[in-house]
Amino acid sequence: MSKTINILITIDTDSVKAQYPSPSKNPDSPTGMAHDKGFMVATGTIVNSGQGTGDLSISALVGDTVRAFATSGSDNFEDSVLLYGLPKFKGDQVFSDFLYQNFTKSTVLPNSTSQPLPAKIADEVFWFYQASVISKGTEGYEVRFGLYTRDPLTGQPVLYGYFSWDPEIKVQG
């Protein structure tokens, strides 16, 4: 039976900025990043290894859907990250093209700053970078994201740079 696999990617943006003070501004040539700056957690599948690390290896079946989404350690409140690519760099082609999907759906928020319960219900826009698993094999892919920091004068997000690193997926059947 096909399933939806969710992959949450969290980037330690403070550490990235400290280690990479002059990153690429070209999205087609992102700065390669150490694997200890990004952390991935998968649900809805078998995790082969690396849960909570930058070296996540998961198993999937043909017909599964993979949804990936990214955030900074501050939940995109201060620094923000935007996932913009998961291209194959080695092995078999197991994913279809990744496309953005946006959904407006009701979610829960704290009721107030002093009393979180009962929860308040509100609409929110959720986005996923989504693909189908289309064939068996093992694919090494890049996680590509843009890192945005806040302009000290305006408080608006501005591009800091583009980054990438390389986990893998194994498709059994």
N, C-alpha and C. Protein backbone atom coordinates (compact mmCIF):
# COMPACT_ATOMS: atom_id res chain seq x y z
N MET A 1 0.84 -1.18 0.00
CA MET A 1 0.00 0.00 0.00
C MET A 1 0.89 1.25 0.00
N SER A 2 0.63 2.18 -0.89
CA SER A 2 1.43 3.40 -0.99
C SER A 2 1.21 4.29 0.22
N LYS A 3 2.25 5.05 0.56
CA LYS A 3 2.18 5.90 1.74
C LYS A 3 2.80 7.26 1.44
N THR A 4 2.57 8.20 2.34
CA THR A 4 3.21 9.51 2.26
C THR A 4 4.33 9.56 3.28
N ILE A 5 5.51 9.89 2.82
CA ILE A 5 6.70 10.01 3.66
C ILE A 5 6.99 11.50 3.83
N ASN A 6 7.04 11.95 5.06
CA ASN A 6 7.36 13.35 5.36
C ASN A 6 8.79 13.47 5.85
N ILE A 7 9.52 14.41 5.27
CA ILE A 7 10.90 14.66 5.71
C ILE A 7 11.02 16.11 6.14
N LEU A 8 11.23 16.30 7.42
CA LEU A 8 11.45 17.63 7.98
C LEU A 8 12.94 17.90 8.02
N ILE A 9 13.35 19.02 7.43
CA ILE A 9 14.76 19.41 7.38
C ILE A 9 14.91 20.68 8.22
N THR A 10 15.79 20.63 9.21
CA THR A 10 16.07 21.80 10.05
C THR A 10 17.53 22.18 9.86
N ILE A 11 17.77 23.45 9.58
CA ILE A 11 19.12 23.95 9.33
C ILE A 11 19.58 24.79 10.51
N ASP A 12 20.79 24.50 11.01
CA ASP A 12 21.42 25.31 12.05
C ASP A 12 22.03 26.54 11.37
N THR A 13 21.23 27.57 11.18
CA THR A 13 21.65 28.72 10.39
C THR A 13 22.78 29.51 11.06
N ASP A 14 22.81 29.56 12.38
CA ASP A 14 23.91 30.26 13.06
C ASP A 14 25.24 29.60 12.73
N SER A 15 25.26 28.27 12.77
CA SER A 15 26.48 27.52 12.47
C SER A 15 26.86 27.66 11.00
N VAL A 16 25.87 27.64 10.10
CA VAL A 16 26.14 27.80 8.68
C VAL A 16 26.78 29.16 8.41
N LYS A 17 26.21 30.22 8.98
CA LYS A 17 26.74 31.57 8.76
C LYS A 17 28.15 31.70 9.32
N ALA A 18 28.41 31.07 10.46
CA ALA A 18 29.74 31.16 11.07
C ALA A 18 30.79 30.44 10.21
N GLN A 19 30.43 29.30 9.64
CA GLN A 19 31.40 28.51 8.87
C GLN A 19 31.52 28.98 7.42
N TYR A 20 30.47 29.59 6.88
CA TYR A 20 30.46 29.98 5.46
C TYR A 20 30.13 31.47 5.33
N PRO A 21 31.11 32.35 5.57
CA PRO A 21 30.83 33.79 5.54
C PRO A 21 30.63 34.37 4.15
N SER A 22 31.02 33.66 3.09
CA SER A 22 30.88 34.16 1.72
C SER A 22 30.30 33.08 0.81
N PRO A 23 29.03 32.71 1.00
CA PRO A 23 28.45 31.61 0.23
C PRO A 23 28.09 32.02 -1.19
N SER A 24 27.80 31.02 -1.99
CA SER A 24 27.38 31.24 -3.37
C SER A 24 26.05 31.99 -3.41
N LYS A 25 25.94 32.91 -4.37
CA LYS A 25 24.69 33.61 -4.62
C LYS A 25 24.04 33.07 -5.90
N ASN A 26 24.60 31.96 -6.42
CA ASN A 26 24.10 31.34 -7.64
C ASN A 26 23.34 30.07 -7.28
N PRO A 27 22.03 30.02 -7.50
CA PRO A 27 21.27 28.83 -7.12
C PRO A 27 21.66 27.57 -7.90
N ASP A 28 22.29 27.73 -9.06
CA ASP A 28 22.73 26.59 -9.84
C ASP A 28 24.08 26.04 -9.38
N SER A 29 24.74 26.76 -8.48
CA SER A 29 26.04 26.34 -7.96
C SER A 29 26.11 26.64 -6.46
N PRO A 30 25.27 25.93 -5.66
CA PRO A 30 25.24 26.22 -4.23
C PRO A 30 26.53 25.82 -3.53
N THR A 31 26.80 26.45 -2.41
CA THR A 31 27.95 26.11 -1.57
C THR A 31 27.71 24.75 -0.92
N GLY A 32 28.66 23.82 -1.10
CA GLY A 32 28.57 22.54 -0.42
C GLY A 32 28.72 22.74 1.07
N MET A 33 27.87 22.09 1.83
CA MET A 33 27.80 22.31 3.27
C MET A 33 28.14 21.02 4.01
N ALA A 34 28.79 21.15 5.16
CA ALA A 34 29.08 20.00 6.02
C ALA A 34 27.76 19.36 6.47
N HIS A 35 27.78 18.06 6.64
CA HIS A 35 26.57 17.32 6.99
C HIS A 35 26.11 17.57 8.42
N ASP A 36 26.90 18.22 9.24
CA ASP A 36 26.50 18.48 10.63
C ASP A 36 25.77 19.81 10.80
N LYS A 37 25.37 20.45 9.69
CA LYS A 37 24.65 21.73 9.76
C LYS A 37 23.16 21.56 9.48
N GLY A 38 22.77 20.41 8.93
CA GLY A 38 21.37 20.13 8.63
C GLY A 38 20.94 18.85 9.30
N PHE A 39 19.69 18.82 9.73
CA PHE A 39 19.18 17.68 10.47
C PHE A 39 17.86 17.26 9.85
N MET A 40 17.71 15.96 9.54
CA MET A 40 16.50 15.48 8.88
C MET A 40 15.82 14.43 9.74
N VAL A 41 14.49 14.51 9.76
CA VAL A 41 13.66 13.54 10.46
C VAL A 41 12.59 13.08 9.49
N ALA A 42 12.43 11.77 9.36
CA ALA A 42 11.44 11.21 8.45
C ALA A 42 10.36 10.49 9.25
N THR A 43 9.12 10.62 8.77
CA THR A 43 8.01 9.87 9.34
C THR A 43 7.29 9.16 8.19
N GLY A 44 6.61 8.08 8.53
CA GLY A 44 5.83 7.35 7.53
C GLY A 44 6.63 6.36 6.72
N THR A 45 7.83 5.99 7.17
CA THR A 45 8.65 5.06 6.42
C THR A 45 9.65 4.37 7.34
N ILE A 46 10.42 3.48 6.77
CA ILE A 46 11.52 2.83 7.48
C ILE A 46 12.75 3.72 7.33
N VAL A 47 13.37 4.04 8.45
CA VAL A 47 14.61 4.81 8.43
C VAL A 47 15.75 3.81 8.55
N ASN A 48 16.59 3.77 7.52
CA ASN A 48 17.73 2.86 7.53
C ASN A 48 18.80 3.33 8.50
N SER A 49 19.05 4.64 8.49
CA SER A 49 20.05 5.21 9.38
C SER A 49 19.96 6.73 9.34
N GLY A 50 20.55 7.37 10.31
CA GLY A 50 20.73 8.81 10.29
C GLY A 50 19.55 9.66 10.71
N GLN A 51 18.54 9.09 11.35
CA GLN A 51 17.41 9.90 11.82
C GLN A 51 17.95 11.02 12.71
N GLY A 52 17.58 12.27 12.42
CA GLY A 52 18.03 13.41 13.21
C GLY A 52 19.41 13.92 12.85
N THR A 53 19.97 13.44 11.73
CA THR A 53 21.29 13.87 11.28
C THR A 53 21.19 14.42 9.87
N GLY A 54 22.32 14.82 9.31
CA GLY A 54 22.38 15.26 7.93
C GLY A 54 22.60 14.12 6.96
N ASP A 55 22.66 12.90 7.45
CA ASP A 55 22.90 11.72 6.62
C ASP A 55 21.74 10.74 6.69
N LEU A 56 20.54 11.23 6.53
CA LEU A 56 19.34 10.41 6.59
C LEU A 56 19.29 9.46 5.40
N SER A 57 19.06 8.19 5.68
CA SER A 57 18.84 7.19 4.64
C SER A 57 17.51 6.52 4.96
N ILE A 58 16.56 6.60 4.03
CA ILE A 58 15.24 6.01 4.23
C ILE A 58 14.95 4.98 3.16
N SER A 59 13.97 4.13 3.43
CA SER A 59 13.48 3.18 2.43
C SER A 59 12.09 3.62 2.00
N ALA A 60 11.78 3.38 0.74
CA ALA A 60 10.47 3.70 0.20
C ALA A 60 10.08 2.63 -0.80
N LEU A 61 8.84 2.64 -1.21
CA LEU A 61 8.33 1.73 -2.22
C LEU A 61 7.84 2.52 -3.42
N VAL A 62 7.92 1.92 -4.60
CA VAL A 62 7.39 2.57 -5.80
C VAL A 62 5.92 2.90 -5.54
N GLY A 63 5.54 4.12 -5.86
CA GLY A 63 4.18 4.59 -5.63
C GLY A 63 4.04 5.45 -4.40
N ASP A 64 5.04 5.43 -3.52
CA ASP A 64 5.00 6.31 -2.35
C ASP A 64 5.14 7.76 -2.78
N THR A 65 4.68 8.66 -1.94
CA THR A 65 4.84 10.10 -2.12
C THR A 65 5.81 10.59 -1.07
N VAL A 66 6.76 11.42 -1.48
CA VAL A 66 7.72 12.02 -0.54
C VAL A 66 7.44 13.52 -0.49
N ARG A 67 7.26 14.03 0.73
CA ARG A 67 7.08 15.46 0.95
C ARG A 67 8.25 15.93 1.81
N ALA A 68 8.96 16.92 1.31
CA ALA A 68 10.09 17.49 2.06
C ALA A 68 9.78 18.96 2.33
N PHE A 69 10.15 19.42 3.51
CA PHE A 69 9.99 20.82 3.87
C PHE A 69 11.10 21.19 4.81
N ALA A 70 11.45 22.48 4.82
CA ALA A 70 12.62 22.91 5.57
C ALA A 70 12.30 24.12 6.43
N THR A 71 13.08 24.26 7.48
CA THR A 71 12.94 25.39 8.38
C THR A 71 14.29 25.67 9.02
N SER A 72 14.44 26.85 9.58
CA SER A 72 15.64 27.17 10.35
C SER A 72 15.40 26.76 11.80
N GLY A 73 16.46 26.85 12.60
CA GLY A 73 16.32 26.54 14.03
C GLY A 73 15.36 27.46 14.74
N SER A 74 15.11 28.65 14.18
CA SER A 74 14.16 29.59 14.79
C SER A 74 12.78 29.48 14.14
N ASP A 75 12.52 28.38 13.42
CA ASP A 75 11.24 28.17 12.74
C ASP A 75 10.98 29.27 11.72
N ASN A 76 12.04 29.72 11.05
CA ASN A 76 12.00 30.78 10.04
C ASN A 76 11.58 32.13 10.60
N PHE A 77 11.67 32.31 11.91
CA PHE A 77 11.31 33.59 12.54
C PHE A 77 12.42 34.62 12.36
N GLU A 78 13.66 34.22 12.60
CA GLU A 78 14.81 35.12 12.38
C GLU A 78 15.41 34.79 11.01
N ASP A 79 16.33 33.84 10.97
CA ASP A 79 16.82 33.36 9.68
C ASP A 79 15.76 32.44 9.08
N SER A 80 15.68 32.43 7.75
CA SER A 80 14.73 31.57 7.06
C SER A 80 15.45 30.72 6.03
N VAL A 81 14.92 29.54 5.78
CA VAL A 81 15.44 28.69 4.72
C VAL A 81 14.30 28.33 3.78
N LEU A 82 14.63 28.22 2.50
CA LEU A 82 13.67 27.82 1.50
C LEU A 82 14.28 26.71 0.67
N LEU A 83 13.70 25.54 0.77
CA LEU A 83 14.12 24.39 -0.02
C LEU A 83 13.77 24.68 -1.48
N TYR A 84 14.74 24.54 -2.39
CA TYR A 84 14.45 24.83 -3.80
C TYR A 84 14.89 23.73 -4.75
N GLY A 85 15.47 22.67 -4.25
CA GLY A 85 15.86 21.60 -5.16
C GLY A 85 16.28 20.34 -4.42
N LEU A 86 15.97 19.20 -5.01
CA LEU A 86 16.42 17.90 -4.54
C LEU A 86 16.89 17.08 -5.75
N PRO A 87 17.87 17.62 -6.50
CA PRO A 87 18.28 16.93 -7.72
C PRO A 87 19.13 15.69 -7.45
N LYS A 88 19.00 14.71 -8.34
CA LYS A 88 19.82 13.50 -8.29
C LYS A 88 21.25 13.86 -8.67
N PHE A 89 22.22 13.28 -7.94
CA PHE A 89 23.61 13.48 -8.34
C PHE A 89 24.34 12.16 -8.57
N LYS A 90 23.76 11.04 -8.12
CA LYS A 90 24.37 9.74 -8.42
C LYS A 90 23.33 8.64 -8.23
N GLY A 91 23.62 7.50 -8.82
CA GLY A 91 22.76 6.33 -8.65
C GLY A 91 21.57 6.33 -9.58
N ASP A 92 20.52 5.65 -9.14
CA ASP A 92 19.31 5.46 -9.93
C ASP A 92 18.36 6.65 -9.79
N GLN A 93 17.55 6.88 -10.79
CA GLN A 93 16.52 7.92 -10.73
C GLN A 93 15.29 7.29 -10.09
N VAL A 94 15.06 7.55 -8.78
CA VAL A 94 13.92 6.95 -8.10
C VAL A 94 12.78 7.94 -7.88
N PHE A 95 13.05 9.25 -7.97
CA PHE A 95 12.01 10.27 -7.78
C PHE A 95 11.51 10.80 -9.12
N SER A 96 10.23 11.16 -9.17
CA SER A 96 9.74 12.00 -10.25
C SER A 96 10.25 13.42 -9.98
N ASP A 97 9.91 14.37 -10.83
CA ASP A 97 10.28 15.76 -10.55
C ASP A 97 9.60 16.24 -9.28
N PHE A 98 10.34 16.97 -8.46
CA PHE A 98 9.76 17.59 -7.27
C PHE A 98 9.04 18.87 -7.67
N LEU A 99 7.84 19.05 -7.15
CA LEU A 99 7.06 20.24 -7.40
C LEU A 99 6.52 20.77 -6.07
N TYR A 100 6.35 22.09 -6.00
CA TYR A 100 5.76 22.67 -4.80
C TYR A 100 4.26 22.45 -4.77
N GLN A 101 3.76 22.10 -3.62
CA GLN A 101 2.33 21.98 -3.37
C GLN A 101 2.02 22.90 -2.19
N ASN A 102 1.03 23.76 -2.34
CA ASN A 102 0.58 24.64 -1.26
C ASN A 102 -0.83 24.26 -0.86
N PHE A 103 -1.08 24.18 0.43
CA PHE A 103 -2.39 23.85 0.95
C PHE A 103 -2.74 24.83 2.06
N THR A 104 -3.96 25.32 2.05
CA THR A 104 -4.48 26.11 3.17
C THR A 104 -5.36 25.16 3.96
N LYS A 105 -5.00 24.98 5.22
CA LYS A 105 -5.69 24.01 6.06
C LYS A 105 -5.76 24.55 7.48
N SER A 106 -6.80 24.19 8.21
CA SER A 106 -6.93 24.62 9.60
C SER A 106 -5.88 23.94 10.45
N THR A 107 -5.35 24.69 11.40
CA THR A 107 -4.36 24.16 12.34
C THR A 107 -4.65 24.76 13.72
N VAL A 108 -3.86 24.40 14.69
CA VAL A 108 -4.06 24.91 16.05
C VAL A 108 -2.98 25.90 16.42
N LEU A 109 -3.38 26.91 17.19
CA LEU A 109 -2.48 27.93 17.73
C LEU A 109 -2.77 28.08 19.21
N PRO A 110 -1.79 28.60 19.98
CA PRO A 110 -2.09 28.87 21.38
C PRO A 110 -3.23 29.89 21.47
N ASN A 111 -4.09 29.71 22.43
CA ASN A 111 -5.24 30.59 22.60
C ASN A 111 -4.82 32.00 23.00
N SER A 112 -3.81 32.11 23.86
CA SER A 112 -3.28 33.41 24.26
C SER A 112 -1.87 33.21 24.78
N THR A 113 -1.18 34.32 25.09
CA THR A 113 0.20 34.20 25.57
C THR A 113 0.26 33.61 26.98
N SER A 114 -0.80 33.76 27.75
CA SER A 114 -0.77 33.23 29.11
C SER A 114 -1.56 31.94 29.26
N GLN A 115 -2.46 31.66 28.35
CA GLN A 115 -3.31 30.48 28.45
C GLN A 115 -3.39 29.80 27.08
N PRO A 116 -2.53 28.79 26.83
CA PRO A 116 -2.52 28.18 25.51
C PRO A 116 -3.77 27.33 25.20
N LEU A 117 -4.41 26.79 26.24
CA LEU A 117 -5.58 25.93 26.03
C LEU A 117 -6.85 26.63 26.46
N PRO A 118 -7.97 26.43 25.82
CA PRO A 118 -8.12 25.54 24.67
C PRO A 118 -7.49 26.16 23.43
N ALA A 119 -7.05 25.32 22.53
CA ALA A 119 -6.37 25.77 21.33
C ALA A 119 -7.30 26.61 20.45
N LYS A 120 -6.71 27.59 19.77
CA LYS A 120 -7.43 28.39 18.80
C LYS A 120 -7.24 27.73 17.43
N ILE A 121 -8.29 27.67 16.63
CA ILE A 121 -8.23 27.08 15.30
C ILE A 121 -8.12 28.23 14.29
N ALA A 122 -7.15 28.11 13.37
CA ALA A 122 -6.95 29.15 12.35
C ALA A 122 -6.43 28.50 11.07
N ASP A 123 -6.69 29.14 9.95
CA ASP A 123 -6.16 28.67 8.67
C ASP A 123 -4.71 29.09 8.52
N GLU A 124 -3.93 28.21 7.92
CA GLU A 124 -2.52 28.48 7.66
C GLU A 124 -2.16 27.89 6.30
N VAL A 125 -1.20 28.50 5.62
CA VAL A 125 -0.72 27.95 4.35
C VAL A 125 0.46 27.03 4.67
N PHE A 126 0.35 25.79 4.23
CA PHE A 126 1.42 24.81 4.37
C PHE A 126 1.99 24.54 2.98
N TRP A 127 3.31 24.36 2.88
CA TRP A 127 3.92 24.04 1.59
C TRP A 127 4.82 22.83 1.73
N PHE A 128 4.83 22.06 0.67
CA PHE A 128 5.66 20.86 0.61
C PHE A 128 6.36 20.83 -0.74
N TYR A 129 7.55 20.31 -0.76
CA TYR A 129 8.23 20.00 -2.01
C TYR A 129 7.98 18.51 -2.21
N GLN A 130 7.21 18.13 -3.20
CA GLN A 130 6.64 16.80 -3.28
C GLN A 130 7.00 16.09 -4.58
N ALA A 131 7.26 14.78 -4.47
CA ALA A 131 7.52 13.93 -5.63
C ALA A 131 6.98 12.54 -5.38
N SER A 132 6.85 11.78 -6.44
CA SER A 132 6.48 10.37 -6.34
C SER A 132 7.73 9.52 -6.46
N VAL A 133 7.70 8.37 -5.82
CA VAL A 133 8.76 7.38 -5.99
C VAL A 133 8.36 6.56 -7.21
N ILE A 134 9.21 6.59 -8.26
CA ILE A 134 8.81 6.01 -9.55
C ILE A 134 9.56 4.75 -9.95
N SER A 135 10.66 4.42 -9.26
CA SER A 135 11.37 3.19 -9.62
C SER A 135 12.24 2.70 -8.47
N LYS A 136 12.65 1.43 -8.56
CA LYS A 136 13.52 0.82 -7.57
C LYS A 136 14.94 1.33 -7.74
N GLY A 137 15.71 1.26 -6.68
CA GLY A 137 17.12 1.60 -6.74
C GLY A 137 17.54 2.45 -5.56
N THR A 138 18.74 3.00 -5.66
CA THR A 138 19.28 3.88 -4.64
C THR A 138 19.70 5.17 -5.32
N GLU A 139 19.14 6.28 -4.84
CA GLU A 139 19.45 7.58 -5.42
C GLU A 139 20.16 8.45 -4.39
N GLY A 140 21.31 8.98 -4.79
CA GLY A 140 21.95 10.04 -4.03
C GLY A 140 21.42 11.35 -4.57
N TYR A 141 20.93 12.20 -3.71
CA TYR A 141 20.37 13.47 -4.16
C TYR A 141 20.92 14.60 -3.32
N GLU A 142 20.83 15.80 -3.83
CA GLU A 142 21.27 16.99 -3.10
C GLU A 142 20.07 17.65 -2.45
N VAL A 143 20.24 18.12 -1.24
CA VAL A 143 19.28 19.01 -0.60
C VAL A 143 19.78 20.42 -0.87
N ARG A 144 19.03 21.20 -1.64
CA ARG A 144 19.42 22.57 -1.96
C ARG A 144 18.46 23.55 -1.30
N PHE A 145 19.04 24.56 -0.66
CA PHE A 145 18.18 25.56 0.00
C PHE A 145 18.83 26.93 -0.05
N GLY A 146 17.98 27.93 -0.01
CA GLY A 146 18.44 29.31 0.14
C GLY A 146 18.32 29.70 1.60
N LEU A 147 19.33 30.40 2.10
CA LEU A 147 19.33 30.92 3.47
C LEU A 147 19.12 32.42 3.40
N TYR A 148 18.14 32.90 4.14
CA TYR A 148 17.80 34.32 4.18
C TYR A 148 17.99 34.83 5.60
N THR A 149 18.63 35.98 5.73
CA THR A 149 18.80 36.64 7.02
C THR A 149 17.99 37.94 7.00
N ARG A 150 17.86 38.56 8.15
CA ARG A 150 17.09 39.80 8.22
C ARG A 150 18.01 41.00 8.03
N ASP A 151 17.59 41.90 7.16
CA ASP A 151 18.31 43.16 6.96
C ASP A 151 18.25 43.93 8.27
N PRO A 152 19.40 44.39 8.80
CA PRO A 152 19.40 45.07 10.11
C PRO A 152 18.64 46.40 10.12
N LEU A 153 18.45 47.02 8.96
CA LEU A 153 17.74 48.30 8.90
C LEU A 153 16.24 48.14 8.69
N THR A 154 15.86 47.20 7.82
CA THR A 154 14.43 47.06 7.49
C THR A 154 13.76 45.88 8.18
N GLY A 155 14.55 44.90 8.62
CA GLY A 155 13.98 43.70 9.21
C GLY A 155 13.44 42.72 8.18
N GLN A 156 13.56 43.05 6.89
CA GLN A 156 13.06 42.19 5.82
C GLN A 156 14.08 41.09 5.49
N PRO A 157 13.61 39.91 5.09
CA PRO A 157 14.53 38.85 4.69
C PRO A 157 15.31 39.23 3.43
N VAL A 158 16.61 38.94 3.46
CA VAL A 158 17.48 39.13 2.29
C VAL A 158 18.32 37.87 2.11
N LEU A 159 18.65 37.56 0.87
CA LEU A 159 19.41 36.35 0.58
C LEU A 159 20.80 36.43 1.20
N TYR A 160 21.16 35.39 1.95
CA TYR A 160 22.52 35.23 2.47
C TYR A 160 23.33 34.36 1.51
N GLY A 161 22.71 33.28 1.02
CA GLY A 161 23.41 32.41 0.08
C GLY A 161 22.66 31.12 -0.15
N TYR A 162 23.18 30.34 -1.11
CA TYR A 162 22.60 29.05 -1.47
C TYR A 162 23.54 27.93 -1.02
N PHE A 163 22.96 26.83 -0.52
CA PHE A 163 23.73 25.73 0.07
C PHE A 163 23.16 24.39 -0.38
N SER A 164 23.99 23.33 -0.20
CA SER A 164 23.53 21.98 -0.50
C SER A 164 24.32 20.95 0.29
N TRP A 165 23.73 19.76 0.42
CA TRP A 165 24.43 18.56 0.87
C TRP A 165 23.69 17.34 0.35
N ASP A 166 24.19 16.11 0.62
CA ASP A 166 23.80 14.94 -0.16
C ASP A 166 23.44 13.67 0.64
N PRO A 167 22.17 13.50 1.00
CA PRO A 167 21.71 12.23 1.59
C PRO A 167 21.30 11.25 0.48
N GLU A 168 20.62 10.14 0.84
CA GLU A 168 20.20 9.17 -0.17
C GLU A 168 18.85 8.55 0.20
N ILE A 169 18.23 7.92 -0.80
CA ILE A 169 17.01 7.16 -0.60
C ILE A 169 17.19 5.80 -1.25
N LYS A 170 16.66 4.76 -0.59
CA LYS A 170 16.68 3.40 -1.14
C LYS A 170 15.25 2.97 -1.38
N VAL A 171 14.97 2.52 -2.60
CA VAL A 171 13.62 2.07 -2.96
C VAL A 171 13.67 0.57 -3.17
N GLN A 172 12.86 -0.15 -2.38
CA GLN A 172 12.88 -1.61 -2.37
C GLN A 172 12.05 -2.22 -3.50
N GLY A 173 10.91 -1.66 -3.78
CA GLY A 173 10.07 -2.31 -4.80
C GLY A 173 8.83 -1.54 -5.11
